[in-house]
């Protein structure tokens, strides 16, 4: 029986600064995206930004306190988080 392992990018280290989110991948690559790609991280305190957990064997990162998740694939393919749409209210007369 042959077992095929899908080679997914895995984050082994992460650093968040006031300007970037930088991930070190298990295959040796370092990828970086602008902090502005995550509106939740942009609005978070430095302490909140540094309170994360690498999840899914390195497939992504989770920030419990601010309810944010970023995947290695999302960083590699350039998928920024979308801010919530502002609610509009219909006026009745």
Protein backbone atom coordinates (compact mmCIF):
# COMPACT_ATOMS: atom_id res chain seq x y z
CA UNK A 1 0.00 0.00 0.00
CA UNK A 2 1.36 3.41 -0.98
CA UNK A 3 0.62 6.44 1.14
CA UNK A 4 0.70 9.81 -0.57
CA UNK A 5 1.47 12.73 1.71
CA UNK A 6 0.30 16.12 0.55
CA UNK A 7 3.09 18.61 0.99
CA UNK A 8 1.28 21.53 2.60
CA UNK A 9 3.23 24.59 3.72
CA UNK A 10 3.72 24.50 7.50
CA UNK A 11 4.44 27.48 9.74
CA UNK A 12 7.05 26.74 12.40
CA UNK A 13 7.65 30.30 13.65
CA UNK A 14 5.74 33.57 13.47
CA UNK A 15 6.57 37.19 14.20
CA UNK A 16 4.14 40.11 14.14
CA UNK A 17 5.43 43.68 14.08
CA UNK A 18 3.69 47.03 13.67
CA UNK A 19 4.06 46.61 9.89
CA UNK A 20 4.30 42.91 8.96
CA UNK A 21 3.28 39.34 9.70
CA UNK A 22 6.28 37.10 9.00
CA UNK A 23 6.20 33.30 8.99
CA UNK A 24 9.08 30.86 8.86
CA UNK A 25 8.00 27.72 7.00
CA UNK A 26 9.22 24.18 7.66
CA UNK A 27 10.74 24.01 4.16
CA UNK A 28 13.03 26.96 4.90
CA UNK A 29 11.06 29.73 3.20
CA UNK A 30 10.23 32.96 5.00
CA UNK A 31 7.06 34.74 3.92
CA UNK A 32 5.84 38.15 4.97
CA UNK A 33 2.62 40.06 4.39
CA UNK A 34 1.58 43.56 5.45
CA UNK A 35 -0.06 43.79 8.86
CA UNK A 36 -2.87 45.72 7.15
CA UNK A 37 -3.96 42.42 5.53
CA UNK A 38 -5.53 41.58 8.89
CA UNK A 39 -7.79 44.33 10.14
CA UNK A 40 -8.15 42.49 13.47
CA UNK A 41 -4.39 42.34 14.00
CA UNK A 42 -4.03 45.95 12.82
CA UNK A 43 -6.48 47.02 15.53
CA UNK A 44 -4.96 44.77 18.22
CA UNK A 45 -2.45 45.73 20.87
CA UNK A 46 1.13 44.41 20.57
CA UNK A 47 0.36 42.03 23.45
CA UNK A 48 -2.70 40.67 21.63
CA UNK A 49 -0.71 40.29 18.40
CA UNK A 50 1.89 38.17 20.20
CA UNK A 51 -0.68 35.96 21.94
CA UNK A 52 -1.15 33.34 19.19
CA UNK A 53 -1.09 29.59 18.70
CA UNK A 54 0.24 27.73 15.66
CA UNK A 55 -2.51 25.27 14.74
CA UNK A 56 -3.10 22.27 12.46
CA UNK A 57 0.52 21.06 12.50
CA UNK A 58 1.54 24.49 11.22
CA UNK A 59 -1.17 24.99 8.61
CA UNK A 60 -2.21 28.22 10.28
CA UNK A 61 -2.14 30.56 13.24
CA UNK A 62 -4.97 31.42 15.64
CA UNK A 63 -5.40 34.45 17.90
CA UNK A 64 -8.08 33.47 20.44
CA UNK A 65 -8.52 36.89 22.06
CA UNK A 66 -9.22 38.71 18.80
CA UNK A 67 -10.81 35.77 16.94
CA UNK A 68 -8.38 35.82 14.02
CA UNK A 69 -7.00 32.98 11.91
CA UNK A 70 -4.38 33.15 9.16
CA UNK A 71 -3.28 30.18 7.05
CA UNK A 72 0.08 29.53 5.46
CA UNK A 73 -1.67 29.02 2.13
CA UNK A 74 -3.52 32.34 2.53
CA UNK A 75 -0.24 34.13 3.13
CA UNK A 76 1.36 32.43 0.11
CA UNK A 77 -1.52 33.11 -2.26
CA UNK A 78 -2.15 36.67 -1.13
CA UNK A 79 -5.57 36.49 0.48
CA UNK A 80 -6.05 39.40 2.93
CA UNK A 81 -8.82 39.28 5.53
CA UNK A 82 -11.88 41.28 4.58
CA UNK A 83 -13.22 43.74 7.16
CA UNK A 84 -16.87 43.37 8.06
CA UNK A 85 -19.34 45.32 5.98
CA UNK A 86 -20.98 48.20 7.75
CA UNK A 87 -24.62 47.58 8.40
CA UNK A 88 -27.04 49.82 6.62
CA UNK A 89 -30.46 50.44 8.01
CA UNK A 90 -33.52 51.08 5.90
CA UNK A 91 -35.43 54.17 6.88
CA UNK A 92 -39.18 53.87 7.07
CA UNK A 93 -41.44 56.87 6.96
